[in-house]
Protein backbone atom coordinates (compact mmCIF):
# COMPACT_ATOMS: atom_id res chain seq x y z
CA MET A 1 93.53 -28.71 -38.74
CA LYS A 2 94.89 -26.77 -35.90
CA PHE A 3 92.31 -27.74 -33.12
CA PHE A 4 93.57 -25.51 -30.11
CA GLN A 5 94.70 -21.77 -30.01
CA LYS A 6 96.74 -22.68 -27.43
CA ARG A 7 98.53 -26.05 -26.78
CA SER A 8 98.91 -26.12 -23.31
CA VAL A 9 95.48 -25.66 -22.59
CA ALA A 10 93.29 -29.28 -22.54
CA VAL A 11 90.03 -30.12 -22.71
CA VAL A 12 87.63 -32.32 -20.11
CA LEU A 13 85.83 -35.13 -21.76
CA THR A 14 83.40 -35.60 -18.91
CA LEU A 15 81.47 -39.08 -18.74
CA LEU A 16 82.42 -40.09 -22.36
CA ILE A 17 83.51 -43.54 -22.22
CA ILE A 18 82.53 -46.43 -19.76
CA LEU A 19 85.67 -48.77 -18.27
CA ALA A 20 84.56 -52.15 -17.48
CA SER A 21 87.31 -54.04 -15.82
CA ILE A 22 90.28 -53.68 -18.72
CA GLY A 23 87.50 -53.83 -21.54
CA LEU A 24 85.99 -50.61 -22.89
CA GLY A 25 82.31 -49.45 -23.49
CA GLN A 26 80.29 -46.92 -24.35
CA VAL A 27 77.77 -44.58 -22.43
CA ARG A 28 74.50 -44.51 -24.44
CA ARG A 29 71.85 -42.16 -24.08
CA PRO A 30 68.21 -42.92 -24.80
CA VAL A 31 67.89 -42.04 -28.68
CA GLN A 32 63.95 -40.93 -30.20
CA SER A 33 65.02 -43.53 -33.45
CA PRO A 34 67.49 -46.25 -34.28
CA PRO A 35 71.26 -45.04 -34.37
CA ALA A 36 72.35 -43.85 -37.90
CA PRO A 37 74.28 -46.77 -39.91
CA GLU A 38 78.03 -46.57 -39.47
CA PRO A 39 79.75 -45.18 -42.75
CA ALA A 40 82.43 -47.46 -44.63
CA ASP A 41 85.01 -45.09 -42.98
CA PRO A 42 84.24 -44.32 -39.62
CA SER A 43 86.38 -41.30 -39.11
CA ALA A 44 84.21 -39.74 -41.84
CA LEU A 45 81.86 -36.94 -40.17
CA ASP A 46 78.36 -36.18 -41.76
CA THR A 47 78.66 -32.66 -42.31
CA SER A 48 74.75 -32.50 -43.20
CA LEU A 49 74.01 -32.72 -39.42
CA ASN A 50 72.54 -29.92 -37.57
CA THR A 51 74.97 -28.92 -35.05
CA SER A 52 73.28 -26.15 -32.85
CA GLY A 53 72.06 -28.44 -29.69
CA TYR A 54 74.96 -29.37 -28.94
CA THR A 55 76.70 -25.82 -27.99
CA ASP A 56 75.48 -26.26 -25.00
CA TRP A 57 77.74 -28.79 -24.03
CA LEU A 58 80.63 -26.50 -24.52
CA TRP A 59 82.49 -24.91 -21.74
CA ASP A 60 85.13 -22.18 -22.96
CA GLU A 61 85.14 -19.18 -20.69
CA ALA A 62 88.97 -18.33 -20.89
CA GLY A 63 88.59 -18.22 -25.22
CA VAL A 64 91.25 -20.99 -25.54
CA LEU A 65 88.99 -22.68 -28.37
CA SER A 66 88.91 -20.94 -31.49
CA ASP A 67 85.31 -20.75 -33.25
CA ALA A 68 86.21 -23.24 -35.84
CA THR A 69 87.34 -25.63 -32.87
CA GLU A 70 84.22 -25.43 -31.42
CA GLU A 71 81.88 -26.15 -34.44
CA THR A 72 84.31 -28.95 -35.34
CA LEU A 73 83.64 -30.31 -31.77
CA CYS A 74 79.54 -29.60 -32.44
CA LEU A 75 79.83 -31.35 -35.44
CA TYR A 76 81.99 -34.88 -33.59
CA ASN A 77 78.82 -34.47 -30.89
CA ALA A 78 76.32 -34.57 -33.73
CA ASN A 79 77.70 -37.36 -35.40
CA TRP A 80 78.31 -39.42 -31.92
CA ASP A 81 74.76 -38.70 -30.97
CA ALA A 82 73.57 -39.69 -34.31
CA ARG A 83 75.52 -43.03 -34.39
CA TYR A 84 75.73 -44.03 -30.53
CA GLY A 85 73.76 -42.10 -28.67
CA MET A 86 76.69 -40.33 -27.22
CA ILE A 87 77.58 -36.72 -26.26
CA MET A 88 81.31 -35.51 -25.27
CA ALA A 89 80.98 -32.74 -22.76
CA VAL A 90 84.02 -30.29 -23.06
CA ALA A 91 85.52 -27.65 -20.96
CA ALA A 92 88.86 -25.68 -21.19
CA VAL A 93 91.28 -26.77 -18.25
CA SER A 94 94.52 -28.50 -17.88
CA ASP A 95 93.92 -31.07 -15.28
CA THR A 96 91.62 -32.41 -12.95
CA ASP A 97 91.63 -33.49 -9.29
CA GLY A 98 88.74 -33.86 -6.32
CA MET A 99 85.13 -34.46 -6.35
CA ALA A 100 82.44 -34.28 -4.37
CA ILE A 101 78.42 -34.53 -4.84
CA ASP A 102 76.27 -31.47 -3.79
CA ARG A 103 72.88 -31.61 -2.61
CA ASP A 104 71.20 -31.18 -5.82
CA GLY A 105 73.22 -34.38 -6.91
CA ASN A 106 75.43 -32.33 -9.16
CA LEU A 107 79.11 -33.69 -9.63
CA ILE A 108 81.56 -30.94 -8.15
CA LEU A 109 85.19 -31.15 -9.63
CA SER A 110 88.02 -28.88 -8.63
CA CYS A 111 90.50 -28.25 -11.49
CA PRO A 112 94.13 -27.04 -10.14
CA ASN A 113 95.40 -26.40 -13.20
CA PHE A 114 99.08 -27.25 -12.80
CA ALA A 115 99.87 -27.84 -16.16
CA ASP A 116 99.45 -24.32 -17.28
CA LEU A 117 99.88 -21.72 -14.35
CA SER A 118 98.51 -18.78 -16.26
CA MET A 119 95.02 -20.34 -15.91
CA PRO A 120 93.34 -19.62 -12.53
CA SER A 121 92.04 -22.75 -10.47
CA CYS A 122 88.91 -23.03 -11.15
CA VAL A 123 85.73 -25.96 -9.74
CA LEU A 124 83.39 -26.78 -12.31
CA LYS A 125 79.57 -28.05 -11.89
CA ILE A 126 78.25 -30.95 -13.97
CA ASP A 127 74.46 -31.74 -13.69
CA LYS A 128 72.66 -35.29 -13.97
CA ASP A 129 72.07 -34.45 -17.47
CA ARG A 130 76.24 -33.60 -18.00
CA ASN A 131 75.57 -30.08 -18.95
CA ILE A 132 79.29 -28.77 -17.23
CA LYS A 133 79.92 -25.16 -16.46
CA LYS A 134 82.43 -22.99 -14.55
CA TRP A 135 81.19 -22.23 -11.28
CA PHE A 136 83.74 -20.40 -9.52
CA ASP A 137 87.64 -19.32 -9.44
CA VAL A 138 89.24 -20.32 -6.24
CA PRO A 139 89.74 -17.08 -4.12
CA ARG A 140 93.59 -16.53 -4.08
CA ASN A 141 95.97 -16.14 -1.68
CA GLU A 142 96.15 -12.64 -0.89
CA TYR A 143 100.19 -13.08 -0.05
CA THR A 144 101.31 -15.04 -3.22
CA GLY A 145 98.04 -14.29 -5.48
CA GLU A 146 97.71 -18.05 -6.05
CA ALA A 147 95.37 -20.90 -5.34
CA ARG A 148 95.79 -24.40 -6.94
CA ALA A 149 92.48 -26.39 -5.73
CA MET A 150 92.76 -30.29 -4.94
CA GLY A 151 90.42 -32.33 -2.45
CA ILE A 152 86.89 -30.89 -1.63
CA GLU A 153 84.29 -32.11 0.44
CA PHE A 154 80.89 -30.61 1.13
CA GLY A 155 80.19 -30.04 5.08
CA PRO A 156 76.55 -30.49 7.08
CA ASP A 157 75.69 -27.02 6.21
CA GLY A 158 76.53 -27.21 2.88
CA ASP A 159 79.44 -24.89 2.47
CA LEU A 160 82.59 -26.81 0.79
CA TYR A 161 85.51 -27.07 2.30
CA LEU A 162 88.57 -26.93 -0.45
CA VAL A 163 92.21 -27.78 -0.15
CA ASP A 164 94.51 -25.52 -1.72
CA ASN A 165 98.10 -26.90 -2.43
CA ALA A 166 100.10 -24.02 -4.26
CA GLY A 167 103.07 -25.39 -3.30
CA TRP A 168 102.97 -28.86 -5.38
CA THR A 169 104.45 -26.40 -8.09
CA GLY A 170 107.45 -26.56 -6.17
CA GLU A 171 107.83 -22.62 -6.78
CA PRO A 172 109.86 -21.50 -3.94
CA HIS A 173 107.67 -18.79 -2.83
CA MET A 174 104.86 -21.29 -3.05
CA VAL A 175 106.24 -23.71 -0.56
CA PHE A 176 104.56 -23.56 2.82
CA THR A 177 100.99 -21.91 1.67
CA GLY A 178 98.81 -24.35 1.64
CA ARG A 179 95.23 -23.37 3.04
CA ILE A 180 92.05 -25.16 3.68
CA LEU A 181 88.96 -22.83 2.74
CA ARG A 182 85.35 -22.97 4.00
CA LEU A 183 83.77 -21.58 1.00
CA ARG A 184 79.83 -20.42 1.32
CA LEU A 185 78.61 -20.63 -2.10
CA ASN A 186 75.14 -19.71 -4.12
CA ASP A 187 74.91 -20.53 -7.95
CA ALA A 188 76.91 -17.57 -9.26
CA GLY A 189 80.02 -18.65 -6.69
CA VAL A 190 81.49 -17.74 -3.50
CA VAL A 191 79.64 -15.53 -1.04
CA LYS A 192 82.05 -15.89 1.68
CA CYS A 193 85.97 -17.65 2.21
CA THR A 194 86.99 -18.33 5.48
CA VAL A 195 90.61 -19.44 5.82
CA VAL A 196 90.39 -22.42 8.32
CA ALA A 197 94.31 -23.35 8.20
CA ASP A 198 97.24 -22.13 6.58
CA ASN A 199 100.91 -22.38 5.93
CA MET A 200 100.49 -25.95 5.43
CA GLU A 201 103.55 -27.74 3.69
CA HIS A 202 101.45 -30.21 1.01
CA PRO A 203 97.52 -30.86 1.95
CA ASN A 204 95.88 -33.16 0.07
CA GLY A 205 92.99 -34.80 0.63
CA ILE A 206 89.77 -34.11 2.68
CA ARG A 207 86.83 -35.89 4.46
CA ILE A 208 84.43 -34.96 7.11
CA TRP A 209 82.80 -37.26 9.87
CA GLY A 210 80.76 -35.48 12.68
CA ASP A 211 82.04 -32.29 13.70
CA TYR A 212 85.27 -32.18 12.45
CA MET A 213 87.37 -32.39 8.64
CA TYR A 214 90.26 -35.06 8.27
CA VAL A 215 93.08 -33.65 5.62
CA THR A 216 95.87 -35.56 4.58
CA GLN A 217 99.33 -33.80 4.48
CA SER A 218 101.38 -35.95 1.75
CA CYS A 219 105.02 -34.20 3.26
CA MET A 220 106.63 -33.30 6.41
CA THR A 221 110.01 -32.30 5.71
CA ARG A 222 110.56 -29.99 8.38
CA GLN A 223 110.09 -32.71 10.86
CA LYS A 224 113.09 -35.11 10.66
CA THR A 225 112.80 -39.09 11.62
CA ASP A 226 115.62 -41.34 12.84
CA SER A 227 115.27 -43.26 9.91
CA GLY A 228 115.44 -40.57 7.44
CA LYS A 229 112.11 -41.31 6.04
CA LEU A 230 109.44 -39.29 5.03
CA MET A 231 106.85 -38.36 7.60
CA SER A 232 103.22 -37.37 6.56
CA CYS A 233 100.32 -36.55 8.91
CA VAL A 234 96.53 -36.69 9.25
CA TYR A 235 95.19 -32.83 10.36
CA ARG A 236 91.96 -32.70 12.40
CA PHE A 237 90.33 -29.26 12.53
CA PRO A 238 87.11 -28.40 14.13
CA LEU A 239 84.23 -27.62 11.06
CA ASP A 240 84.12 -24.05 12.69
CA ALA A 241 87.66 -23.12 12.91
CA GLU A 242 89.60 -20.25 11.59
CA GLY A 243 92.89 -18.99 11.14
CA ILE A 244 94.90 -21.93 12.56
CA HIS A 245 98.67 -21.41 11.37
CA CYS A 246 100.40 -24.74 11.15
CA THR A 247 103.86 -25.26 11.67
CA ASN A 248 104.25 -28.40 9.66
CA THR A 249 105.99 -30.25 13.09
CA LEU A 250 104.75 -32.07 15.82
CA ALA A 251 104.07 -28.91 17.27
CA ASP A 252 100.93 -28.55 15.97
CA PRO A 253 98.31 -29.53 17.81
CA HIS A 254 95.45 -30.72 15.21
CA ILE A 255 97.96 -33.54 13.71
CA PHE A 256 95.75 -36.18 14.76
CA LEU A 257 98.09 -39.26 13.31
CA THR A 258 101.47 -39.47 11.53
CA PHE A 259 102.97 -41.97 9.06
CA ILE A 260 106.26 -43.27 7.95
CA THR A 261 106.58 -44.13 4.12
CA GLU A 262 109.05 -47.07 3.51
CA ASN A 263 109.52 -47.32 0.11
CA PRO A 264 112.72 -45.33 -0.92
CA LYS A 265 111.61 -45.18 -4.53
CA CYS A 266 108.57 -43.17 -3.94
CA GLN A 267 109.13 -40.69 -0.69
CA TYR A 268 105.24 -39.28 -1.01
CA GLY A 269 102.97 -40.13 2.03
CA VAL A 270 99.09 -40.01 2.90
CA ASP A 271 97.21 -38.93 0.18
CA GLY A 272 93.44 -40.46 -0.27
CA ILE A 273 91.40 -40.47 2.23
CA VAL A 274 87.79 -41.88 2.97
CA PHE A 275 85.28 -42.97 6.09
CA ASP A 276 83.14 -46.06 5.50
CA HIS A 277 79.49 -46.26 6.63
CA ASP A 278 80.12 -46.91 10.21
CA GLY A 279 82.70 -44.24 10.95
CA ASN A 280 85.95 -45.99 10.35
CA LEU A 281 88.42 -43.99 8.73
CA TYR A 282 90.52 -45.11 5.58
CA VAL A 283 94.04 -43.24 4.78
CA GLY A 284 96.23 -44.43 2.10
CA ASN A 285 100.06 -44.20 2.37
CA PHE A 286 100.92 -43.34 -1.01
CA GLY A 287 104.45 -44.64 -1.56
CA ASP A 288 104.00 -47.47 -0.05
CA GLY A 289 100.72 -48.73 -1.58
CA VAL A 290 99.22 -49.40 1.85
CA VAL A 291 95.49 -48.64 3.01
CA HIS A 292 95.40 -47.68 6.72
CA LYS A 293 91.81 -48.71 8.61
CA ILE A 294 91.73 -46.06 12.11
CA THR A 295 89.22 -47.10 14.51
CA PHE A 296 87.87 -44.94 17.16
CA ASN A 297 87.19 -44.95 20.97
CA PRO A 298 84.15 -42.90 21.84
CA ASP A 299 85.86 -39.76 22.73
CA GLY A 300 87.26 -39.63 18.92
CA SER A 301 90.96 -40.44 19.98
CA VAL A 302 92.46 -43.64 18.22
CA LYS A 303 91.42 -46.91 19.10
CA GLU A 304 93.52 -48.81 16.40
CA ASN A 305 95.92 -47.84 13.47
CA ARG A 306 96.75 -50.73 11.48
CA LYS A 307 97.44 -51.38 8.02
CA TRP A 308 94.21 -52.83 6.19
CA ALA A 309 94.74 -53.46 2.50
CA CYS A 310 98.29 -54.33 1.04
CA ASP A 311 98.53 -56.18 -1.92
CA PRO A 312 101.51 -54.89 -4.29
CA ALA A 313 100.36 -57.01 -7.50
CA ASN A 314 97.16 -55.04 -7.51
CA LEU A 315 97.83 -51.90 -5.52
CA LYS A 316 100.42 -49.98 -6.22
CA SER A 317 99.99 -46.48 -4.90
CA THR A 318 96.92 -44.78 -3.31
CA ASP A 319 95.73 -41.79 -4.16
CA GLY A 320 91.98 -40.45 -4.15
CA MET A 321 89.75 -42.94 -2.26
CA THR A 322 85.86 -43.27 -2.50
CA ILE A 323 83.31 -45.74 -1.14
CA ASP A 324 79.90 -47.07 -2.60
CA PRO A 325 76.67 -47.88 -0.68
CA TYR A 326 77.95 -51.78 -0.55
CA GLY A 327 80.96 -50.86 1.35
CA ASN A 328 83.52 -51.32 -1.42
CA ILE A 329 86.22 -48.75 -1.71
CA TYR A 330 87.98 -47.57 -5.02
CA VAL A 331 91.42 -46.17 -5.03
CA ALA A 332 93.08 -44.79 -7.78
CA ASP A 333 96.49 -46.27 -8.12
CA PHE A 334 98.08 -42.89 -9.74
CA SER A 335 101.47 -44.92 -10.33
CA ALA A 336 100.16 -48.21 -11.90
CA ASN A 337 97.50 -46.20 -14.07
CA ALA A 338 94.85 -48.20 -12.29
CA ILE A 339 91.52 -48.36 -10.36
CA ALA A 340 91.73 -50.96 -7.45
CA ARG A 341 88.25 -52.14 -5.48
CA ILE A 342 88.74 -53.16 -2.02
CA THR A 343 86.11 -55.31 -0.46
CA PRO A 344 84.97 -54.54 3.50
CA ASP A 345 87.18 -57.53 4.39
CA GLY A 346 90.16 -55.91 2.74
CA ARG A 347 90.31 -57.92 -0.14
CA VAL A 348 91.97 -56.03 -2.96
CA THR A 349 91.37 -56.38 -6.84
CA ARG A 350 92.05 -54.70 -10.05
CA MET A 351 89.43 -53.33 -11.79
CA ALA A 352 90.67 -51.47 -14.22
CA CYS A 353 94.35 -50.57 -15.94
CA SER A 354 95.77 -48.51 -19.12
CA PRO A 355 99.24 -48.22 -20.43
CA ASP A 356 100.40 -45.51 -20.88
CA THR A 357 97.75 -43.38 -23.11
CA ASP A 358 96.47 -39.88 -23.99
CA GLY A 359 93.02 -41.30 -22.67
CA PHE A 360 91.04 -40.11 -25.39
CA HIS A 361 89.34 -43.49 -25.52
CA GLY A 362 88.48 -44.12 -22.24
CA GLU A 363 91.52 -45.22 -21.16
CA LEU A 364 92.81 -43.94 -17.38
CA ASP A 365 95.49 -41.39 -17.85
CA GLU A 366 96.97 -41.16 -14.20
CA PRO A 367 93.70 -41.42 -12.07
CA GLY A 368 93.98 -39.02 -9.05
CA GLU A 369 90.64 -39.61 -7.76
CA PRO A 370 87.41 -41.99 -8.07
CA CYS A 371 84.22 -40.64 -6.89
CA VAL A 372 80.98 -42.48 -6.78
CA TRP A 373 77.92 -40.50 -8.69
CA GLY A 374 74.73 -42.99 -8.47
CA ASP A 375 75.33 -46.20 -9.82
CA LYS A 376 78.65 -45.11 -11.78
CA ILE A 377 82.64 -44.39 -10.63
CA ILE A 378 83.72 -41.10 -11.94
CA VAL A 379 87.85 -41.11 -12.16
CA SER A 380 89.46 -37.74 -12.51
CA CYS A 381 92.53 -37.91 -14.40
CA PHE A 382 96.01 -35.91 -13.58
CA ASP A 383 98.12 -36.84 -16.15
CA LEU A 384 100.90 -34.70 -15.18
CA VAL A 385 103.69 -36.63 -12.95
CA THR A 386 106.17 -38.56 -14.81
CA ASP A 387 109.16 -40.43 -13.51
CA GLU A 388 110.29 -43.88 -13.08
CA GLU A 389 107.73 -45.18 -10.53
CA LYS A 390 104.76 -44.02 -12.93
CA VAL A 391 103.49 -45.73 -16.22
CA ASN A 392 102.72 -41.87 -17.31
CA THR A 393 105.01 -40.41 -19.25
CA ALA A 394 103.68 -37.14 -20.64
CA HIS A 395 101.14 -34.46 -20.14
CA GLU A 396 98.70 -34.46 -23.33
CA MET A 397 96.00 -32.84 -24.52
CA PRO A 398 92.83 -33.72 -24.30
CA ALA A 399 92.82 -34.14 -20.66
CA THR A 400 90.61 -36.75 -19.52
CA MET A 401 88.12 -38.33 -16.87
CA ALA A 402 86.78 -41.97 -17.40
CA MET A 403 83.55 -43.69 -15.95
CA LEU A 404 83.33 -47.33 -14.18
CA ASP A 405 80.12 -49.32 -12.95
CA VAL A 406 79.63 -49.51 -9.19
CA GLU A 407 79.45 -53.44 -8.84
CA PRO A 408 77.99 -55.01 -5.70
């Protein structure tokens, strides 16, 4: 059976499987009656089940799923619901990245769609009942006609600050076209788009504290160093800023901190970023696999920037980061296909890890960012980068997301 009309388009299986340490568990929803007995052949589908109630769990505004595919997905959901109390939410996108929680407790997910550039970058909304829908397409750059969403963060007024990193594609006309957007939104989508900053080389993660946003820029190739190693930085912009034109050099007054990546095998700079509950800033140097802790003076200047968490056996790279109510920081170890947990005293443990996989059975598939959502940690899987430093060897369909338990 030809499952998809368009092979380059994957689907997001949202909140399908729980990963607990390295073991696998299933998400179980409350059911009104005992689960149906398991058939002798577990792959066999009960075609007598009513599938009409499962169409709301599919989102395919791009029209890439055939009618037969949608019917088959509904049949799978009917069987999984009857047997395990589990439902799969499906959306047609090619890859996923940043996440944030809105005021209503919805999980907001950015989809750059780097694996299929014919698809516009979009942002999805997943409600507490795990219904998924497309919220809006990312406003395109008027000069390039492109946009590719990565990190996202809500401001105190409810506006969404979004990192547009179209230059990640490597396309010559896209380099140095990165933007930070401030989006005023309603239920239907974008009401107003303000360009906070533009001309950025490689903006990536974003976090807000007080009156400022802090943005990681993973490389600054225009800024040469004495060692020849890569420089990267954190920009700090006021929340009400607009129209800032970056030069991607030390001449930029909004550069807050700079970093050098020492690892010659992975010259990729700062990426993951998060604040703790006391307002201390944590920044991950991706290539070195090190998390820095930055403390502040009363005037907002840097008091100390030190290497805080470094454990090569348990943390190889530092992509997206999040923090739980207990102060534990979770890091997407992109290269090692793992999630690391760092306790408030800086101790690193590897809480989940997978081999090279397609992720369909709940495994991690090149995790890009974790996000604490209630008592769960949702993990977006980027599944696109391949080189000798990565466990991942190919981009496969379907694209997946995983879910872990928050542990005190």
